[in-house]
């Protein structure tokens, strides 16, 4: 919590913890006179305690190092910096667009409104029913529905009128936009093939070949950069999340879904339940993570109930979302001033690459990552520098050659 928000009415002052801050929590807990509400995650003070007197020594002691936003009911917001100094307001910025979990075609400049939907609810229900009957994961179901809806919306045709050449045009448009990788295009083909073959019973996709995968190297951070990211993240919960993704090679979707029962601190292992492809596996837990976990359980009030989420959201019945985890990483990366186009998934890439550089057998790395085939793990050999570091450039030896 970089700023404390004080919400005041005629009787009480509420200080909600939008994010956990150990320092502020201890200050308010030791000060006395306040009541901690575990459900709402906030301290409540009565107005006669003196904390609402902005010029008082008592207020200055509590918020001497923490900027405070003082919000009175039916009054304009007042913002105070350290020790009541004026805190300048930043200029308004353009709203940041949220990352979409699913890609989409860019809207042409001459198009003022989105195209109307042409994928009827009846077809969507049939598609979802067929996917559920085959026990496809919720994520796969959403993606398959998305691409079929996108096809009908872009071409402005219902499914029953779609032809093979329409599918070809749709895939060509995907490639021309430059917004889709080969993997995304292959996923779109899978979605369309499933729908028209199993639901519409009109296999118009049988002649469509899949594009070759892009052979791109994974983005890897050095150990120095990763350490800088961890140091930059002051929030204990967020830092632990990032550390566990790197220390155990977890996918971000696996990390946010961890429960207390999945961690075996005695054996220093983590059980990944229903990972990608609905596969279970075990991966390792770092010694430094077990030490931080004990503090995390105490400070963030994570109980030993085995069904509790390890990284709960504000609604403790739910866990952090993948999008929230990505935002946490983006902010930490910016604070650490690491200038790389990296996502939180690069921590998993770095885990595998650093293990290879340390001489770990690639078969063990495959098992820790949960890869079905060794070919997937082998791509990390292209970025691991254990052997490359021992090769000397001929430029460095050019002066050693006798004439």
Protein backbone atom coordinates (compact mmCIF):
# COMPACT_ATOMS: atom_id res chain seq x y z
CA UNK A 1 0.00 0.00 0.00
CA UNK A 2 1.75 3.19 -1.17
CA UNK A 3 -1.07 5.49 -0.02
CA UNK A 4 -3.40 5.27 2.98
CA UNK A 5 -7.06 6.09 2.32
CA UNK A 6 -9.09 7.41 5.28
CA UNK A 7 -12.86 7.28 4.74
CA UNK A 8 -14.68 9.41 7.30
CA UNK A 9 -18.28 9.81 8.35
CA UNK A 10 -19.74 11.51 11.40
CA UNK A 11 -18.85 8.63 13.74
CA UNK A 12 -16.01 6.52 12.36
CA UNK A 13 -12.85 6.64 10.29
CA UNK A 14 -12.20 3.56 8.13
CA UNK A 15 -8.74 2.71 6.79
CA UNK A 16 -9.18 -0.17 4.32
CA UNK A 17 -6.22 -2.27 3.23
CA UNK A 18 -6.59 -2.42 -0.53
CA UNK A 19 -3.24 -4.18 -0.55
CA UNK A 20 -1.30 -5.70 2.35
CA UNK A 21 1.30 -3.43 3.91
CA UNK A 22 3.09 -4.88 6.92
CA UNK A 23 4.53 -1.55 8.06
CA UNK A 24 1.22 0.32 8.13
CA UNK A 25 -0.56 -2.64 9.74
CA UNK A 26 1.92 -2.71 12.62
CA UNK A 27 1.70 1.07 13.12
CA UNK A 28 -2.09 1.01 13.36
CA UNK A 29 -2.16 -2.16 15.48
CA UNK A 30 0.35 -0.82 18.01
CA UNK A 31 -1.30 2.61 18.17
CA UNK A 32 -4.43 1.28 19.86
CA UNK A 33 -7.97 2.57 19.71
CA UNK A 34 -8.73 0.90 16.38
CA UNK A 35 -10.60 -2.29 15.57
CA UNK A 36 -9.38 -4.65 12.84
CA UNK A 37 -12.17 -6.12 10.70
CA UNK A 38 -10.88 -9.39 9.18
CA UNK A 39 -13.82 -9.71 6.82
CA UNK A 40 -13.56 -6.24 5.30
CA UNK A 41 -9.76 -5.97 5.76
CA UNK A 42 -9.86 -2.55 7.37
CA UNK A 43 -9.16 -0.69 10.62
CA UNK A 44 -12.01 1.33 12.17
CA UNK A 45 -11.39 4.28 14.54
CA UNK A 46 -13.93 6.37 16.43
CA UNK A 47 -13.86 10.06 15.61
CA UNK A 48 -13.16 10.99 19.27
CA UNK A 49 -9.76 9.23 19.28
CA UNK A 50 -8.04 12.26 17.79
CA UNK A 51 -6.85 10.55 14.66
CA UNK A 52 -9.12 12.74 12.54
CA UNK A 53 -7.38 15.94 13.62
CA UNK A 54 -5.10 16.47 10.65
CA UNK A 55 -2.81 18.93 12.41
CA UNK A 56 -2.39 16.88 15.57
CA UNK A 57 0.86 15.29 16.69
CA UNK A 58 -0.97 12.00 16.96
CA UNK A 59 -1.86 12.02 13.27
CA UNK A 60 1.67 13.05 12.33
CA UNK A 61 3.14 10.16 14.28
CA UNK A 62 0.90 7.62 12.58
CA UNK A 63 1.29 8.97 9.04
CA UNK A 64 4.75 10.53 9.25
CA UNK A 65 6.08 8.39 6.41
CA UNK A 66 2.89 7.34 4.62
CA UNK A 67 0.95 9.70 2.30
CA UNK A 68 -2.76 9.84 3.18
CA UNK A 69 -5.91 10.52 1.17
CA UNK A 70 -8.55 12.01 3.50
CA UNK A 71 -12.10 11.39 2.21
CA UNK A 72 -14.93 13.18 4.03
CA UNK A 73 -18.55 12.29 3.29
CA UNK A 74 -20.12 14.90 0.98
CA UNK A 75 -16.83 16.76 0.79
CA UNK A 76 -14.08 17.00 -1.83
CA UNK A 77 -11.13 14.64 -1.54
CA UNK A 78 -8.09 16.08 0.25
CA UNK A 79 -4.66 14.61 -0.49
CA UNK A 80 -1.74 14.97 1.93
CA UNK A 81 1.89 13.99 1.53
CA UNK A 82 4.51 13.35 4.17
CA UNK A 83 3.85 15.31 7.39
CA UNK A 84 0.93 17.24 5.84
CA UNK A 85 3.01 18.64 2.94
CA UNK A 86 1.05 19.27 -0.22
CA UNK A 87 1.05 16.29 -2.54
CA UNK A 88 0.83 17.36 -6.23
CA UNK A 89 -1.78 15.62 -8.29
CA UNK A 90 -0.61 13.90 -11.49
CA UNK A 91 -2.04 15.05 -14.79
CA UNK A 92 -4.86 12.86 -16.05
CA UNK A 93 -3.72 10.11 -18.33
CA UNK A 94 -5.43 8.21 -21.05
CA UNK A 95 -7.02 5.06 -19.68
CA UNK A 96 -4.82 2.00 -20.13
CA UNK A 97 -6.46 -0.68 -22.20
CA UNK A 98 -6.72 -4.01 -20.43
CA UNK A 99 -4.96 -6.97 -21.99
CA UNK A 100 -7.51 -9.19 -23.62
CA UNK A 101 -7.37 -12.84 -22.70
CA UNK A 102 -8.29 -13.58 -26.31
CA UNK A 103 -6.95 -11.85 -29.45
CA UNK A 104 -9.22 -10.00 -31.82
CA UNK A 105 -9.09 -8.35 -35.21
CA UNK A 106 -8.34 -4.64 -35.10
CA UNK A 107 -11.36 -2.51 -36.00
CA UNK A 108 -10.84 -0.55 -39.24
CA UNK A 109 -10.73 3.24 -38.90
CA UNK A 110 -13.81 3.69 -41.06
CA UNK A 111 -15.86 1.39 -38.86
CA UNK A 112 -17.68 3.39 -36.23
CA UNK A 113 -19.50 0.50 -34.52
CA UNK A 114 -18.68 -3.18 -33.98
CA UNK A 115 -20.14 -5.68 -36.39
CA UNK A 116 -23.35 -7.39 -35.28
CA UNK A 117 -23.12 -10.93 -34.01
CA UNK A 118 -24.05 -13.71 -36.43
CA UNK A 119 -23.46 -16.73 -34.18
CA UNK A 120 -26.89 -17.63 -32.73
CA UNK A 121 -27.24 -18.70 -29.09
CA UNK A 122 -28.64 -22.04 -30.25
CA UNK A 123 -25.40 -22.94 -32.03
CA UNK A 124 -23.35 -21.75 -29.08
CA UNK A 125 -25.36 -23.95 -26.71
CA UNK A 126 -24.89 -26.96 -28.97
CA UNK A 127 -21.16 -26.32 -29.27
CA UNK A 128 -20.76 -25.92 -25.50
CA UNK A 129 -22.74 -29.10 -24.86
CA UNK A 130 -20.56 -31.09 -27.24
CA UNK A 131 -17.40 -29.73 -25.62
CA UNK A 132 -18.65 -30.53 -22.12
CA UNK A 133 -19.56 -34.07 -23.18
CA UNK A 134 -15.94 -34.59 -24.20
CA UNK A 135 -14.71 -33.02 -20.91
CA UNK A 136 -12.85 -30.14 -22.51
CA UNK A 137 -11.47 -27.62 -20.02
CA UNK A 138 -13.38 -24.35 -19.40
CA UNK A 139 -10.57 -22.37 -21.03
CA UNK A 140 -10.69 -24.51 -24.18
CA UNK A 141 -14.47 -24.21 -24.33
CA UNK A 142 -14.26 -20.42 -24.13
CA UNK A 143 -11.59 -20.25 -26.83
CA UNK A 144 -13.50 -22.55 -29.21
CA UNK A 145 -16.67 -20.51 -28.79
CA UNK A 146 -14.72 -17.28 -29.27
CA UNK A 147 -13.18 -18.25 -32.63
CA UNK A 148 -16.46 -19.53 -34.02
CA UNK A 149 -18.24 -16.35 -33.00
CA UNK A 150 -15.39 -14.32 -34.49
CA UNK A 151 -15.65 -16.14 -37.83
CA UNK A 152 -19.37 -15.43 -38.14
CA UNK A 153 -19.01 -11.81 -37.03
CA UNK A 154 -16.12 -10.97 -39.38
CA UNK A 155 -17.75 -12.58 -42.43
CA UNK A 156 -21.30 -11.61 -41.38
CA UNK A 157 -22.64 -15.11 -42.04
CA UNK A 158 -24.42 -17.62 -39.82
CA UNK A 159 -22.76 -21.06 -39.42
CA UNK A 160 -25.16 -22.88 -41.76
CA UNK A 161 -24.22 -20.58 -44.68
CA UNK A 162 -20.46 -20.87 -44.21
CA UNK A 163 -18.39 -22.35 -47.07
CA UNK A 164 -14.87 -23.76 -47.29
CA UNK A 165 -13.60 -20.65 -49.09
CA UNK A 166 -14.98 -18.53 -46.24
CA UNK A 167 -12.74 -20.38 -43.79
CA UNK A 168 -9.77 -19.77 -46.10
CA UNK A 169 -10.55 -16.05 -46.27
CA UNK A 170 -10.91 -15.85 -42.49
CA UNK A 171 -7.52 -17.52 -41.88
CA UNK A 172 -5.88 -15.31 -44.51
CA UNK A 173 -7.25 -12.23 -42.72
CA UNK A 174 -5.82 -13.53 -39.44
CA UNK A 175 -2.38 -13.79 -41.00
CA UNK A 176 -2.57 -10.36 -42.68
CA UNK A 177 -3.34 -8.52 -39.45
CA UNK A 178 -0.06 -9.67 -37.94
CA UNK A 179 -1.81 -10.01 -34.58
CA UNK A 180 -1.86 -13.80 -34.56
CA UNK A 181 0.97 -16.29 -34.16
CA UNK A 182 1.01 -19.68 -35.84
CA UNK A 183 -0.09 -21.22 -32.54
CA UNK A 184 -3.15 -18.94 -32.41
CA UNK A 185 -4.06 -19.76 -36.00
CA UNK A 186 -3.73 -23.48 -35.29
CA UNK A 187 -6.01 -23.06 -32.30
CA UNK A 188 -8.56 -21.27 -34.47
CA UNK A 189 -8.44 -24.14 -37.01
CA UNK A 190 -8.99 -26.67 -34.22
CA UNK A 191 -11.99 -24.69 -32.98
CA UNK A 192 -13.56 -24.47 -36.44
CA UNK A 193 -12.85 -28.11 -37.29
CA UNK A 194 -14.49 -29.29 -34.08
CA UNK A 195 -17.59 -27.17 -34.56
CA UNK A 196 -18.31 -27.90 -38.22
CA UNK A 197 -17.45 -31.59 -38.01
CA UNK A 198 -19.11 -32.51 -34.69
CA UNK A 199 -21.90 -29.94 -34.31
CA UNK A 200 -22.92 -28.64 -37.74
CA UNK A 201 -22.12 -32.04 -39.34
CA UNK A 202 -20.74 -30.20 -42.37
CA UNK A 203 -17.00 -30.72 -42.54
CA UNK A 204 -15.88 -27.73 -44.59
CA UNK A 205 -12.46 -27.54 -42.88
CA UNK A 206 -10.96 -30.90 -43.92
CA UNK A 207 -8.82 -29.36 -46.70
CA UNK A 208 -7.27 -26.64 -44.57
CA UNK A 209 -3.63 -27.18 -43.69
CA UNK A 210 -2.13 -25.94 -40.47
CA UNK A 211 0.58 -23.25 -40.63
CA UNK A 212 4.04 -24.13 -39.45
CA UNK A 213 4.87 -23.03 -35.93
CA UNK A 214 7.05 -19.98 -35.44
CA UNK A 215 10.41 -21.03 -34.06
CA UNK A 216 10.87 -18.20 -31.60
CA UNK A 217 13.22 -18.29 -28.67
CA UNK A 218 11.69 -17.80 -25.21
CA UNK A 219 12.44 -14.55 -23.38
CA UNK A 220 14.77 -15.29 -20.46
CA UNK A 221 15.81 -12.99 -17.63
CA UNK A 222 19.22 -13.24 -16.01
CA UNK A 223 19.50 -14.10 -12.33
CA UNK A 224 20.51 -10.51 -11.64
CA UNK A 225 17.39 -9.19 -13.37
CA UNK A 226 15.14 -11.63 -11.54
CA UNK A 227 16.66 -10.68 -8.20
CA UNK A 228 16.04 -7.01 -9.05
CA UNK A 229 12.38 -7.76 -9.83
CA UNK A 230 11.95 -9.51 -6.48
CA UNK A 231 13.59 -6.64 -4.60
CA UNK A 232 11.38 -4.12 -6.38
CA UNK A 233 8.17 -5.85 -5.26
CA UNK A 234 7.57 -4.78 -1.66
CA UNK A 235 4.21 -6.48 -1.23
CA UNK A 236 4.86 -9.83 0.48
CA UNK A 237 1.99 -11.65 -1.22
CA UNK A 238 2.94 -10.43 -4.68
CA UNK A 239 6.65 -11.11 -4.17
CA UNK A 240 5.90 -14.66 -3.01
CA UNK A 241 3.76 -15.27 -6.10
CA UNK A 242 6.56 -14.17 -8.43
CA UNK A 243 9.15 -16.16 -6.50
CA UNK A 244 7.11 -19.36 -6.67
CA UNK A 245 6.58 -19.06 -10.43
CA UNK A 246 10.34 -18.81 -10.89
CA UNK A 247 11.46 -21.19 -8.11
CA UNK A 248 9.14 -24.02 -9.21
CA UNK A 249 8.73 -23.41 -12.94
CA UNK A 250 4.97 -22.94 -12.62
CA UNK A 251 2.63 -21.67 -15.29
CA UNK A 252 0.91 -18.54 -14.03
CA UNK A 253 -2.48 -20.29 -14.28
CA UNK A 254 -1.10 -23.04 -12.02
CA UNK A 255 0.38 -20.61 -9.48
CA UNK A 256 -2.79 -18.59 -8.89
CA UNK A 257 -4.83 -21.79 -8.44
CA UNK A 258 -2.60 -23.26 -5.72
CA UNK A 259 -4.23 -24.23 -2.46
CA UNK A 260 -2.63 -24.63 0.96
CA UNK A 261 -3.02 -28.40 0.69
CA UNK A 262 -0.86 -28.48 -2.47
CA UNK A 263 2.28 -27.45 -0.58
CA UNK A 264 4.33 -30.06 1.26
CA UNK A 265 6.83 -28.06 3.29
CA UNK A 266 8.40 -31.19 4.80
CA UNK A 267 9.24 -32.75 1.44
CA UNK A 268 9.72 -29.33 -0.18
CA UNK A 269 7.44 -30.17 -3.07
CA UNK A 270 4.37 -28.68 -4.73
CA UNK A 271 1.53 -30.72 -6.18
CA UNK A 272 0.20 -29.15 -9.39
CA UNK A 273 -3.36 -30.42 -9.73
CA UNK A 274 -5.03 -30.43 -13.15
CA UNK A 275 -2.30 -28.51 -14.93
CA UNK A 276 -2.26 -28.00 -18.67
CA UNK A 277 -3.93 -30.96 -20.36
CA UNK A 278 -5.60 -31.89 -17.02
CA UNK A 279 -2.37 -33.53 -15.87
CA UNK A 280 -1.13 -33.69 -12.27
CA UNK A 281 2.55 -33.46 -11.40
CA UNK A 282 4.97 -32.63 -8.62
CA UNK A 283 7.57 -29.89 -8.79
CA UNK A 284 10.16 -28.66 -6.33
CA UNK A 285 9.86 -25.95 -3.67
CA UNK A 286 12.85 -23.73 -2.93
CA UNK A 287 14.17 -23.50 0.62
CA UNK A 288 13.92 -19.70 0.54
CA UNK A 289 10.24 -19.98 -0.42
CA UNK A 290 9.45 -22.15 2.62
CA UNK A 291 10.94 -19.50 4.89
CA UNK A 292 8.87 -16.71 3.32
CA UNK A 293 5.74 -18.88 3.42
CA UNK A 294 5.82 -18.97 7.23
CA UNK A 295 5.87 -15.17 7.42
CA UNK A 296 3.21 -14.98 4.71
CA UNK A 297 0.84 -17.27 6.62
CA UNK A 298 1.20 -15.16 9.76
CA UNK A 299 1.07 -11.69 8.27
CA UNK A 300 -1.64 -12.29 5.67
CA UNK A 301 -3.73 -14.50 7.94
CA UNK A 302 -3.69 -17.53 5.65
CA UNK A 303 -5.19 -20.31 7.76
CA UNK A 304 -4.18 -23.96 7.62
CA UNK A 305 -7.49 -24.97 6.09
CA UNK A 306 -6.41 -27.26 3.26
CA UNK A 307 -9.12 -25.91 0.95
CA UNK A 308 -8.01 -22.28 1.24
CA UNK A 309 -6.46 -20.55 -1.75
CA UNK A 310 -2.78 -19.77 -1.31
CA UNK A 311 -3.24 -16.47 -3.18
CA UNK A 312 -6.82 -15.38 -2.46
CA UNK A 313 -8.45 -12.42 -4.12
CA UNK A 314 -10.26 -9.68 -2.16
CA UNK A 315 -13.15 -12.13 -2.16
CA UNK A 316 -11.42 -14.93 -0.27
CA UNK A 317 -13.66 -17.53 -1.91
CA UNK A 318 -11.81 -16.80 -5.17
CA UNK A 319 -8.15 -16.80 -6.15
CA UNK A 320 -6.11 -14.13 -7.93
CA UNK A 321 -6.72 -14.00 -11.66
CA UNK A 322 -4.07 -14.58 -14.29
CA UNK A 323 -4.54 -10.99 -15.43
CA UNK A 324 -3.87 -9.69 -11.91
CA UNK A 325 -0.70 -11.78 -11.71
CA UNK A 326 0.48 -10.35 -15.03
CA UNK A 327 -0.14 -6.79 -13.80
CA UNK A 328 1.85 -7.55 -10.64
CA UNK A 329 4.79 -8.71 -12.74
CA UNK A 330 4.56 -5.75 -15.13
CA UNK A 331 4.72 -3.27 -12.25
CA UNK A 332 7.64 -5.07 -10.59
CA UNK A 333 9.51 -5.23 -13.93
CA UNK A 334 9.04 -1.50 -14.43
CA UNK A 335 10.18 -0.70 -10.87
CA UNK A 336 13.26 -2.88 -11.37
CA UNK A 337 14.00 -0.97 -14.62
CA UNK A 338 14.45 -4.18 -16.57
CA UNK A 339 14.07 -3.21 -20.23
CA UNK A 340 12.87 -6.45 -21.79
CA UNK A 341 9.57 -7.31 -23.48
CA UNK A 342 8.80 -9.96 -20.88
CA UNK A 343 5.63 -11.43 -19.42
CA UNK A 344 5.30 -13.32 -16.16
CA UNK A 345 5.65 -16.55 -18.16
CA UNK A 346 9.31 -15.65 -18.75
CA UNK A 347 9.95 -16.60 -15.10
CA UNK A 348 9.07 -20.18 -16.06
CA UNK A 349 11.34 -19.92 -19.11
CA UNK A 350 14.12 -18.62 -16.87
CA UNK A 351 13.62 -21.50 -14.42
CA UNK A 352 14.19 -24.09 -17.17
CA UNK A 353 17.08 -22.22 -18.76
CA UNK A 354 18.95 -21.69 -15.51
CA UNK A 355 18.55 -25.36 -14.57
CA UNK A 356 20.06 -26.34 -17.93
CA UNK A 357 22.95 -23.94 -17.43
CA UNK A 358 23.58 -25.52 -14.02
CA UNK A 359 23.89 -28.94 -15.64
CA UNK A 360 20.50 -30.44 -14.67
CA UNK A 361 19.45 -33.36 -16.86
CA UNK A 362 16.88 -32.25 -19.43
CA UNK A 363 14.64 -35.24 -18.59
CA UNK A 364 14.24 -33.99 -15.03
CA UNK A 365 13.44 -30.50 -16.30
CA UNK A 366 10.80 -31.98 -18.62
CA UNK A 367 9.13 -33.66 -15.65
CA UNK A 368 9.25 -30.52 -13.48
CA UNK A 369 7.71 -28.41 -16.25
CA UNK A 370 5.05 -31.00 -17.10
CA UNK A 371 5.92 -31.23 -20.80
CA UNK A 372 4.39 -34.16 -22.65
CA UNK A 373 7.35 -34.49 -25.02
CA UNK A 374 11.05 -33.81 -24.67
CA UNK A 375 10.94 -31.77 -27.89
CA UNK A 376 9.10 -29.00 -26.05
CA UNK A 377 11.81 -28.85 -23.39
CA UNK A 378 14.62 -28.95 -25.94
CA UNK A 379 13.91 -25.40 -27.08
CA UNK A 380 15.58 -24.17 -23.90
CA UNK A 381 18.86 -25.62 -25.11
CA UNK A 382 18.93 -22.81 -27.68
CA UNK A 383 19.07 -20.13 -24.99
CA UNK A 384 21.04 -21.94 -22.28
CA UNK A 385 24.58 -20.55 -22.27
CA UNK A 386 26.45 -23.10 -20.13
CA UNK A 387 28.55 -24.40 -23.05
CA UNK A 388 28.40 -21.22 -25.14
CA UNK A 389 30.10 -19.25 -22.39
CA UNK A 390 33.16 -21.47 -22.78
CA UNK A 391 33.52 -20.63 -26.48
CA UNK A 392 35.88 -17.78 -27.26
CA UNK A 393 35.14 -15.47 -30.15
CA UNK A 394 37.81 -15.50 -32.89
CA UNK A 395 37.98 -11.70 -32.59
CA UNK A 396 39.40 -12.08 -29.09
CA UNK A 397 42.24 -14.26 -30.41
CA UNK A 398 42.99 -12.43 -33.64
CA UNK A 399 46.05 -10.69 -32.19
CA UNK A 400 47.50 -14.01 -31.04
CA UNK A 401 48.07 -15.25 -34.59
CA UNK A 402 51.65 -15.16 -35.80
CA UNK A 403 52.21 -13.38 -39.12
